[in-house]
Amino acid sequence: MSNTRCESVFTGRVQGVGFRATTRRLAQPLRITGFVRNQPDGSVYLVAEGPTEEIHKLHSTITDTIGHLIHSRTDRFSTPTDEFTDFDIRR
């Protein structure tokens, strides 16, 4: 099982609606580290590192749980940096 890094940007009604807290809650039972953060342009930025399957599972559960708030999502996959020890919310 290979690890990867995924940087995702979510647009839509994703700020002020509990998006970051929900994302953190959904990520915690998975083998994922990283963070989620609001962006000045109204989007939400997510960095997730871990097994590729777990990152896909996180994206899927975000869509299933709060997908009605998301207009679009862009993903960029790369080599993990292993710089994180947990998954948290950043300001």
PDB file of N, CA and C in Angstrom:
ATOM      1  N   MET A   1       0.853  -1.177   0.000  1.00  0.00           N
ATOM      2  CA  MET A   1       0.000   0.000   0.000  1.00  0.00           C
ATOM      3  C   MET A   1       0.896   1.237   0.000  1.00  0.00           C
ATOM      4  N   SER A   2       0.773   2.048  -1.034  1.00  0.00           N
ATOM      5  CA  SER A   2       1.664   3.204  -1.145  1.00  0.00           C
ATOM      6  C   SER A   2       1.013   4.453  -0.560  1.00  0.00           C
ATOM      7  N   ASN A   3       1.861   5.297  -0.001  1.00  0.00           N
ATOM      8  CA  ASN A   3       1.405   6.571   0.539  1.00  0.00           C
ATOM      9  C   ASN A   3       1.525   7.644  -0.522  1.00  0.00           C
ATOM     10  N   THR A   4       0.664   8.643  -0.401  1.00  0.00           N
ATOM     11  CA  THR A   4       0.682   9.769  -1.319  1.00  0.00           C
ATOM     12  C   THR A   4       0.287  11.029  -0.566  1.00  0.00           C
ATOM     13  N   ARG A   5       0.451  12.155  -1.222  1.00  0.00           N
ATOM     14  CA  ARG A   5       0.008  13.446  -0.705  1.00  0.00           C
ATOM     15  C   ARG A   5      -1.029  13.969  -1.689  1.00  0.00           C
ATOM     16  N   CYS A   6      -2.122  14.469  -1.159  1.00  0.00           N
ATOM     17  CA  CYS A   6      -3.141  15.072  -2.004  1.00  0.00           C
ATOM     18  C   CYS A   6      -3.481  16.448  -1.449  1.00  0.00           C
ATOM     19  N   GLU A   7      -3.362  17.443  -2.317  1.00  0.00           N
ATOM     20  CA  GLU A   7      -3.775  18.797  -1.972  1.00  0.00           C
ATOM     21  C   GLU A   7      -5.065  19.065  -2.735  1.00  0.00           C
ATOM     22  N   SER A   8      -6.131  19.343  -1.995  1.00  0.00           N
ATOM     23  CA  SER A   8      -7.449  19.551  -2.589  1.00  0.00           C
ATOM     24  C   SER A   8      -7.948  20.950  -2.264  1.00  0.00           C
ATOM     25  N   VAL A   9      -8.645  21.529  -3.219  1.00  0.00           N
ATOM     26  CA  VAL A   9      -9.305  22.812  -3.011  1.00  0.00           C
ATOM     27  C   VAL A   9     -10.785  22.610  -3.274  1.00  0.00           C
ATOM     28  N   PHE A  10     -11.594  22.944  -2.270  1.00  0.00           N
ATOM     29  CA  PHE A  10     -13.043  22.838  -2.360  1.00  0.00           C
ATOM     30  C   PHE A  10     -13.630  24.232  -2.508  1.00  0.00           C
ATOM     31  N   THR A  11     -14.561  24.389  -3.438  1.00  0.00           N
ATOM     32  CA  THR A  11     -15.285  25.644  -3.570  1.00  0.00           C
ATOM     33  C   THR A  11     -16.769  25.376  -3.378  1.00  0.00           C
ATOM     34  N   GLY A  12     -17.496  26.425  -3.099  1.00  0.00           N
ATOM     35  CA  GLY A  12     -18.932  26.319  -2.858  1.00  0.00           C
ATOM     36  C   GLY A  12     -19.266  27.057  -1.581  1.00  0.00           C
ATOM     37  N   ARG A  13     -20.256  26.547  -0.880  1.00  0.00           N
ATOM     38  CA  ARG A  13     -20.632  27.128   0.415  1.00  0.00           C
ATOM     39  C   ARG A  13     -19.881  26.337   1.491  1.00  0.00           C
ATOM     40  N   VAL A  14     -18.572  26.533   1.533  1.00  0.00           N
ATOM     41  CA  VAL A  14     -17.703  25.682   2.344  1.00  0.00           C
ATOM     42  C   VAL A  14     -17.081  26.399   3.545  1.00  0.00           C
ATOM     43  N   GLN A  15     -17.386  27.669   3.726  1.00  0.00           N
ATOM     44  CA  GLN A  15     -16.903  28.373   4.918  1.00  0.00           C
ATOM     45  C   GLN A  15     -18.086  28.792   5.769  1.00  0.00           C
ATOM     46  N   GLY A  16     -17.896  28.718   7.093  1.00  0.00           N
ATOM     47  CA  GLY A  16     -18.948  29.117   8.018  1.00  0.00           C
ATOM     48  C   GLY A  16     -20.056  28.094   8.181  1.00  0.00           C
ATOM     49  N   VAL A  17     -19.798  26.858   7.756  1.00  0.00           N
ATOM     50  CA  VAL A  17     -20.832  25.815   7.813  1.00  0.00           C
ATOM     51  C   VAL A  17     -20.330  24.538   8.501  1.00  0.00           C
ATOM     52  N   GLY A  18     -19.183  24.605   9.173  1.00  0.00           N
ATOM     53  CA  GLY A  18     -18.632  23.431   9.848  1.00  0.00           C
ATOM     54  C   GLY A  18     -17.853  22.497   8.942  1.00  0.00           C
ATOM     55  N   PHE A  19     -17.477  22.972   7.772  1.00  0.00           N
ATOM     56  CA  PHE A  19     -16.768  22.132   6.804  1.00  0.00           C
ATOM     57  C   PHE A  19     -15.449  21.611   7.373  1.00  0.00           C
ATOM     58  N   ARG A  20     -14.656  22.490   7.966  1.00  0.00           N
ATOM     59  CA  ARG A  20     -13.343  22.062   8.489  1.00  0.00           C
ATOM     60  C   ARG A  20     -13.496  21.074   9.634  1.00  0.00           C
ATOM     61  N   ALA A  21     -14.409  21.345  10.559  1.00  0.00           N
ATOM     62  CA  ALA A  21     -14.606  20.442  11.695  1.00  0.00           C
ATOM     63  C   ALA A  21     -15.113  19.077  11.229  1.00  0.00           C
ATOM     64  N   THR A  22     -16.014  19.084  10.265  1.00  0.00           N
ATOM     65  CA  THR A  22     -16.525  17.818   9.726  1.00  0.00           C
ATOM     66  C   THR A  22     -15.410  17.046   9.034  1.00  0.00           C
ATOM     67  N   THR A  23     -14.591  17.742   8.261  1.00  0.00           N
ATOM     68  CA  THR A  23     -13.484  17.085   7.567  1.00  0.00           C
ATOM     69  C   THR A  23     -12.506  16.471   8.563  1.00  0.00           C
ATOM     70  N   ARG A  24     -12.188  17.207   9.615  1.00  0.00           N
ATOM     71  CA  ARG A  24     -11.285  16.656  10.638  1.00  0.00           C
ATOM     72  C   ARG A  24     -11.904  15.419  11.280  1.00  0.00           C
ATOM     73  N   ARG A  25     -13.192  15.479  11.608  1.00  0.00           N
ATOM     74  CA  ARG A  25     -13.871  14.335  12.225  1.00  0.00           C
ATOM     75  C   ARG A  25     -13.846  13.120  11.301  1.00  0.00           C
ATOM     76  N   LEU A  26     -14.041  13.340  10.005  1.00  0.00           N
ATOM     77  CA  LEU A  26     -14.036  12.235   9.041  1.00  0.00           C
ATOM     78  C   LEU A  26     -12.632  11.677   8.825  1.00  0.00           C
ATOM     79  N   ALA A  27     -11.611  12.515   8.963  1.00  0.00           N
ATOM     80  CA  ALA A  27     -10.230  12.076   8.744  1.00  0.00           C
ATOM     81  C   ALA A  27      -9.658  11.313   9.934  1.00  0.00           C
ATOM     82  N   GLN A  28     -10.128  11.608  11.136  1.00  0.00           N
ATOM     83  CA  GLN A  28      -9.516  11.041  12.343  1.00  0.00           C
ATOM     84  C   GLN A  28      -9.484   9.517  12.395  1.00  0.00           C
ATOM     85  N   PRO A  29     -10.538   8.795  11.978  1.00  0.00           N
ATOM     86  CA  PRO A  29     -10.434   7.332  12.055  1.00  0.00           C
ATOM     87  C   PRO A  29      -9.581   6.713  10.936  1.00  0.00           C
ATOM     88  N   LEU A  30      -9.186   7.526   9.975  1.00  0.00           N
ATOM     89  CA  LEU A  30      -8.381   7.028   8.854  1.00  0.00           C
ATOM     90  C   LEU A  30      -6.899   7.214   9.152  1.00  0.00           C
ATOM     91  N   ARG A  31      -6.072   6.547   8.383  1.00  0.00           N
ATOM     92  CA  ARG A  31      -4.615   6.660   8.546  1.00  0.00           C
ATOM     93  C   ARG A  31      -4.109   7.823   7.695  1.00  0.00           C
ATOM     94  N   ILE A  32      -4.593   9.019   8.024  1.00  0.00           N
ATOM     95  CA  ILE A  32      -4.275  10.216   7.252  1.00  0.00           C
ATOM     96  C   ILE A  32      -3.743  11.286   8.191  1.00  0.00           C
ATOM     97  N   THR A  33      -2.720  11.999   7.729  1.00  0.00           N
ATOM     98  CA  THR A  33      -2.239  13.174   8.434  1.00  0.00           C
ATOM     99  C   THR A  33      -2.375  14.368   7.509  1.00  0.00           C
ATOM    100  N   GLY A  34      -2.312  15.555   8.084  1.00  0.00           N
ATOM    101  CA  GLY A  34      -2.398  16.770   7.277  1.00  0.00           C
ATOM    102  C   GLY A  34      -3.219  17.829   7.964  1.00  0.00           C
ATOM    103  N   PHE A  35      -3.901  18.661   7.157  1.00  0.00           N
ATOM    104  CA  PHE A  35      -4.699  19.734   7.733  1.00  0.00           C
ATOM    105  C   PHE A  35      -5.753  20.212   6.737  1.00  0.00           C
ATOM    106  N   VAL A  36      -6.689  20.984   7.271  1.00  0.00           N
ATOM    107  CA  VAL A  36      -7.710  21.648   6.475  1.00  0.00           C
ATOM    108  C   VAL A  36      -7.733  23.107   6.921  1.00  0.00           C
ATOM    109  N   ARG A  37      -7.904  24.030   5.951  1.00  0.00           N
ATOM    110  CA  ARG A  37      -7.805  25.454   6.268  1.00  0.00           C
ATOM    111  C   ARG A  37      -8.699  26.268   5.323  1.00  0.00           C
ATOM    112  N   ASN A  38      -9.340  27.297   5.875  1.00  0.00           N
ATOM    113  CA  ASN A  38     -10.077  28.251   5.045  1.00  0.00           C
ATOM    114  C   ASN A  38      -9.090  29.114   4.281  1.00  0.00           C
ATOM    115  N   GLN A  39      -9.449  29.465   3.066  1.00  0.00           N
ATOM    116  CA  GLN A  39      -8.632  30.340   2.229  1.00  0.00           C
ATOM    117  C   GLN A  39      -9.307  31.714   2.110  1.00  0.00           C
ATOM    118  N   PRO A  40      -8.522  32.764   1.898  1.00  0.00           N
ATOM    119  CA  PRO A  40      -9.097  34.106   1.781  1.00  0.00           C
ATOM    120  C   PRO A  40     -10.121  34.250   0.654  1.00  0.00           C
ATOM    121  N   ASP A  41     -10.020  33.422  -0.382  1.00  0.00           N
ATOM    122  CA  ASP A  41     -10.950  33.533  -1.516  1.00  0.00           C
ATOM    123  C   ASP A  41     -12.276  32.815  -1.284  1.00  0.00           C
ATOM    124  N   GLY A  42     -12.482  32.262  -0.080  1.00  0.00           N
ATOM    125  CA  GLY A  42     -13.732  31.571   0.234  1.00  0.00           C
ATOM    126  C   GLY A  42     -13.693  30.071   0.032  1.00  0.00           C
ATOM    127  N   SER A  43     -12.595  29.556  -0.483  1.00  0.00           N
ATOM    128  CA  SER A  43     -12.453  28.112  -0.670  1.00  0.00           C
ATOM    129  C   SER A  43     -11.876  27.481   0.597  1.00  0.00           C
ATOM    130  N   VAL A  44     -11.802  26.161   0.592  1.00  0.00           N
ATOM    131  CA  VAL A  44     -11.168  25.409   1.675  1.00  0.00           C
ATOM    132  C   VAL A  44     -10.055  24.570   1.066  1.00  0.00           C
ATOM    133  N   TYR A  45      -8.888  24.612   1.705  1.00  0.00           N
ATOM    134  CA  TYR A  45      -7.688  23.910   1.259  1.00  0.00           C
ATOM    135  C   TYR A  45      -7.450  22.727   2.191  1.00  0.00           C
ATOM    136  N   LEU A  46      -7.265  21.559   1.604  1.00  0.00           N
ATOM    137  CA  LEU A  46      -7.044  20.332   2.358  1.00  0.00           C
ATOM    138  C   LEU A  46      -5.740  19.703   1.906  1.00  0.00           C
ATOM    139  N   VAL A  47      -4.891  19.348   2.857  1.00  0.00           N
ATOM    140  CA  VAL A  47      -3.690  18.570   2.575  1.00  0.00           C
ATOM    141  C   VAL A  47      -3.828  17.262   3.343  1.00  0.00           C
ATOM    142  N   ALA A  48      -3.762  16.159   2.617  1.00  0.00           N
ATOM    143  CA  ALA A  48      -3.888  14.847   3.238  1.00  0.00           C
ATOM    144  C   ALA A  48      -2.742  13.964   2.759  1.00  0.00           C
ATOM    145  N   GLU A  49      -2.083  13.311   3.721  1.00  0.00           N
ATOM    146  CA  GLU A  49      -1.030  12.353   3.404  1.00  0.00           C
ATOM    147  C   GLU A  49      -1.368  11.027   4.048  1.00  0.00           C
ATOM    148  N   GLY A  50      -1.136   9.958   3.298  1.00  0.00           N
ATOM    149  CA  GLY A  50      -1.398   8.629   3.811  1.00  0.00           C
ATOM    150  C   GLY A  50      -1.610   7.669   2.664  1.00  0.00           C
ATOM    151  N   PRO A  51      -2.101   6.468   2.973  1.00  0.00           N
ATOM    152  CA  PRO A  51      -2.376   5.498   1.918  1.00  0.00           C
ATOM    153  C   PRO A  51      -3.378   6.064   0.912  1.00  0.00           C
ATOM    154  N   THR A  52      -3.117   5.855  -0.349  1.00  0.00           N
ATOM    155  CA  THR A  52      -3.970   6.382  -1.411  1.00  0.00           C
ATOM    156  C   THR A  52      -5.426   5.993  -1.202  1.00  0.00           C
ATOM    157  N   GLU A  53      -5.669   4.745  -0.803  1.00  0.00           N
ATOM    158  CA  GLU A  53      -7.031   4.270  -0.593  1.00  0.00           C
ATOM    159  C   GLU A  53      -7.729   5.051   0.518  1.00  0.00           C
ATOM    160  N   GLU A  54      -6.978   5.417   1.549  1.00  0.00           N
ATOM    161  CA  GLU A  54      -7.549   6.170   2.664  1.00  0.00           C
ATOM    162  C   GLU A  54      -7.894   7.599   2.236  1.00  0.00           C
ATOM    163  N   ILE A  55      -7.076   8.183   1.383  1.00  0.00           N
ATOM    164  CA  ILE A  55      -7.372   9.532   0.880  1.00  0.00           C
ATOM    165  C   ILE A  55      -8.629   9.496   0.018  1.00  0.00           C
ATOM    166  N   HIS A  56      -8.752   8.485  -0.820  1.00  0.00           N
ATOM    167  CA  HIS A  56      -9.968   8.345  -1.627  1.00  0.00           C
ATOM    168  C   HIS A  56     -11.186   8.134  -0.730  1.00  0.00           C
ATOM    169  N   LYS A  57     -11.011   7.369   0.352  1.00  0.00           N
ATOM    170  CA  LYS A  57     -12.102   7.152   1.296  1.00  0.00           C
ATOM    171  C   LYS A  57     -12.500   8.474   1.957  1.00  0.00           C
ATOM    172  N   LEU A  58     -11.520   9.303   2.317  1.00  0.00           N
ATOM    173  CA  LEU A  58     -11.831  10.609   2.905  1.00  0.00           C
ATOM    174  C   LEU A  58     -12.625  11.466   1.927  1.00  0.00           C
ATOM    175  N   HIS A  59     -12.160  11.548   0.686  1.00  0.00           N
ATOM    176  CA  HIS A  59     -12.894  12.327  -0.321  1.00  0.00           C
ATOM    177  C   HIS A  59     -14.325  11.814  -0.473  1.00  0.00           C
ATOM    178  N   SER A  60     -14.483  10.502  -0.490  1.00  0.00           N
ATOM    179  CA  SER A  60     -15.800   9.900  -0.651  1.00  0.00           C
ATOM    180  C   SER A  60     -16.708  10.229   0.534  1.00  0.00           C
ATOM    181  N   THR A  61     -16.196  10.122   1.749  1.00  0.00           N
ATOM    182  CA  THR A  61     -17.036  10.402   2.919  1.00  0.00           C
ATOM    183  C   THR A  61     -17.341  11.893   3.037  1.00  0.00           C
ATOM    184  N   ILE A  62     -16.417  12.755   2.616  1.00  0.00           N
ATOM    185  CA  ILE A  62     -16.728  14.187   2.573  1.00  0.00           C
ATOM    186  C   ILE A  62     -17.888  14.419   1.611  1.00  0.00           C
ATOM    187  N   THR A  63     -17.817  13.825   0.434  1.00  0.00           N
ATOM    188  CA  THR A  63     -18.886  13.977  -0.561  1.00  0.00           C
ATOM    189  C   THR A  63     -20.209  13.437  -0.032  1.00  0.00           C
ATOM    190  N   ASP A  64     -20.176  12.264   0.597  1.00  0.00           N
ATOM    191  CA  ASP A  64     -21.395  11.664   1.127  1.00  0.00           C
ATOM    192  C   ASP A  64     -21.998  12.490   2.260  1.00  0.00           C
ATOM    193  N   THR A  65     -21.154  13.130   3.066  1.00  0.00           N
ATOM    194  CA  THR A  65     -21.609  13.829   4.266  1.00  0.00           C
ATOM    195  C   THR A  65     -21.994  15.279   3.997  1.00  0.00           C
ATOM    196  N   ILE A  66     -21.149  16.003   3.268  1.00  0.00           N
ATOM    197  CA  ILE A  66     -21.388  17.441   3.062  1.00  0.00           C
ATOM    198  C   ILE A  66     -21.231  17.849   1.600  1.00  0.00           C
ATOM    199  N   GLY A  67     -21.420  16.886   0.718  1.00  0.00           N
ATOM    200  CA  GLY A  67     -21.262  17.149  -0.707  1.00  0.00           C
ATOM    201  C   GLY A  67     -22.205  18.205  -1.250  1.00  0.00           C
ATOM    202  N   HIS A  68     -23.363  18.371  -0.608  1.00  0.00           N
ATOM    203  CA  HIS A  68     -24.326  19.374  -1.065  1.00  0.00           C
ATOM    204  C   HIS A  68     -23.785  20.803  -0.915  1.00  0.00           C
ATOM    205  N   LEU A  69     -22.735  20.987  -0.129  1.00  0.00           N
ATOM    206  CA  LEU A  69     -22.128  22.307   0.059  1.00  0.00           C
ATOM    207  C   LEU A  69     -21.023  22.585  -0.953  1.00  0.00           C
ATOM    208  N   ILE A  70     -20.564  21.543  -1.633  1.00  0.00           N
ATOM    209  CA  ILE A  70     -19.392  21.645  -2.516  1.00  0.00           C
ATOM    210  C   ILE A  70     -19.840  21.903  -3.947  1.00  0.00           C
ATOM    211  N   HIS A  71     -19.252  22.916  -4.550  1.00  0.00           N
ATOM    212  CA  HIS A  71     -19.494  23.202  -5.973  1.00  0.00           C
ATOM    213  C   HIS A  71     -18.460  22.468  -6.829  1.00  0.00           C
ATOM    214  N   SER A  72     -17.192  22.540  -6.404  1.00  0.00           N
ATOM    215  CA  SER A  72     -16.138  21.850  -7.151  1.00  0.00           C
ATOM    216  C   SER A  72     -14.997  21.460  -6.217  1.00  0.00           C
ATOM    217  N   ARG A  73     -14.214  20.491  -6.688  1.00  0.00           N
ATOM    218  CA  ARG A  73     -13.018  20.068  -5.969  1.00  0.00           C
ATOM    219  C   ARG A  73     -11.929  19.813  -6.995  1.00  0.00           C
ATOM    220  N   THR A  74     -10.762  20.369  -6.741  1.00  0.00           N
ATOM    221  CA  THR A  74      -9.600  20.056  -7.570  1.00  0.00           C
ATOM    222  C   THR A  74      -8.567  19.371  -6.684  1.00  0.00           C
ATOM    223  N   ASP A  75      -7.904  18.373  -7.231  1.00  0.00           N
ATOM    224  CA  ASP A  75      -6.911  17.588  -6.491  1.00  0.00           C
ATOM    225  C   ASP A  75      -5.572  17.634  -7.214  1.00  0.00           C
ATOM    226  N   ARG A  76      -4.523  17.650  -6.412  1.00  0.00           N
ATOM    227  CA  ARG A  76      -3.174  17.537  -6.954  1.00  0.00           C
ATOM    228  C   ARG A  76      -2.429  16.513  -6.103  1.00  0.00           C
ATOM    229  N   PHE A  77      -2.032  15.425  -6.719  1.00  0.00           N
ATOM    230  CA  PHE A  77      -1.324  14.355  -6.016  1.00  0.00           C
ATOM    231  C   PHE A  77       0.182  14.504  -6.213  1.00  0.00           C
ATOM    232  N   SER A  78       0.930  14.185  -5.164  1.00  0.00           N
ATOM    233  CA  SER A  78       2.388  14.271  -5.226  1.00  0.00           C
ATOM    234  C   SER A  78       2.976  13.322  -4.180  1.00  0.00           C
ATOM    235  N   THR A  79       4.271  13.343  -4.070  1.00  0.00           N
ATOM    236  CA  THR A  79       4.986  12.520  -3.094  1.00  0.00           C
ATOM    237  C   THR A  79       4.765  13.094  -1.693  1.00  0.00           C
ATOM    238  N   PRO A  80       4.455  12.239  -0.705  1.00  0.00           N
ATOM    239  CA  PRO A  80       4.249  12.752   0.651  1.00  0.00           C
ATOM    240  C   PRO A  80       5.542  13.324   1.241  1.00  0.00           C
ATOM    241  N   THR A  81       5.375  14.318   2.103  1.00  0.00           N
ATOM    242  CA  THR A  81       6.525  14.946   2.773  1.00  0.00           C
ATOM    243  C   THR A  81       6.748  14.366   4.163  1.00  0.00           C
ATOM    244  N   ASP A  82       5.754  13.676   4.684  1.00  0.00           N
ATOM    245  CA  ASP A  82       5.805  13.103   6.040  1.00  0.00           C
ATOM    246  C   ASP A  82       6.064  14.159   7.103  1.00  0.00           C
ATOM    247  N   GLU A  83       5.595  15.379   6.874  1.00  0.00           N
ATOM    248  CA  GLU A  83       5.828  16.472   7.818  1.00  0.00           C
ATOM    249  C   GLU A  83       4.783  16.555   8.923  1.00  0.00           C
ATOM    250  N   PHE A  84       3.692  15.784   8.820  1.00  0.00           N
ATOM    251  CA  PHE A  84       2.595  15.887   9.778  1.00  0.00           C
ATOM    252  C   PHE A  84       2.565  14.681  10.708  1.00  0.00           C
ATOM    253  N   THR A  85       2.068  14.912  11.933  1.00  0.00           N
ATOM    254  CA  THR A  85       1.915  13.808  12.888  1.00  0.00           C
ATOM    255  C   THR A  85       0.450  13.488  13.149  1.00  0.00           C
ATOM    256  N   ASP A  86      -0.449  14.406  12.763  1.00  0.00           N
ATOM    257  CA  ASP A  86      -1.875  14.185  12.940  1.00  0.00           C
ATOM    258  C   ASP A  86      -2.631  14.973  11.879  1.00  0.00           C
ATOM    259  N   PHE A  87      -3.942  15.034  12.009  1.00  0.00           N
ATOM    260  CA  PHE A  87      -4.764  15.803  11.077  1.00  0.00           C
ATOM    261  C   PHE A  87      -5.457  16.879  11.889  1.00  0.00           C
ATOM    262  N   ASP A  88      -5.270  18.142  11.513  1.00  0.00           N
ATOM    263  CA  ASP A  88      -5.867  19.212  12.306  1.00  0.00           C
ATOM    264  C   ASP A  88      -6.416  20.330  11.438  1.00  0.00           C
ATOM    265  N   ILE A  89      -7.022  21.282  12.108  1.00  0.00           N
ATOM    266  CA  ILE A  89      -7.568  22.474  11.476  1.00  0.00           C
ATOM    267  C   ILE A  89      -6.537  23.587  11.645  1.00  0.00           C
ATOM    268  N   ARG A  90      -6.261  24.265  10.566  1.00  0.00           N
ATOM    269  CA  ARG A  90      -5.364  25.422  10.631  1.00  0.00           C
ATOM    270  C   ARG A  90      -6.144  26.672  10.310  1.00  0.00           C
ATOM    271  N   ARG A  91      -5.689  27.769  10.872  1.00  0.00           N
ATOM    272  CA  ARG A  91      -6.355  29.056  10.649  1.00  0.00           C
ATOM    273  C   ARG A  91      -5.525  29.922   9.731  1.00  0.00           C
TER     274      ARG A  91
END
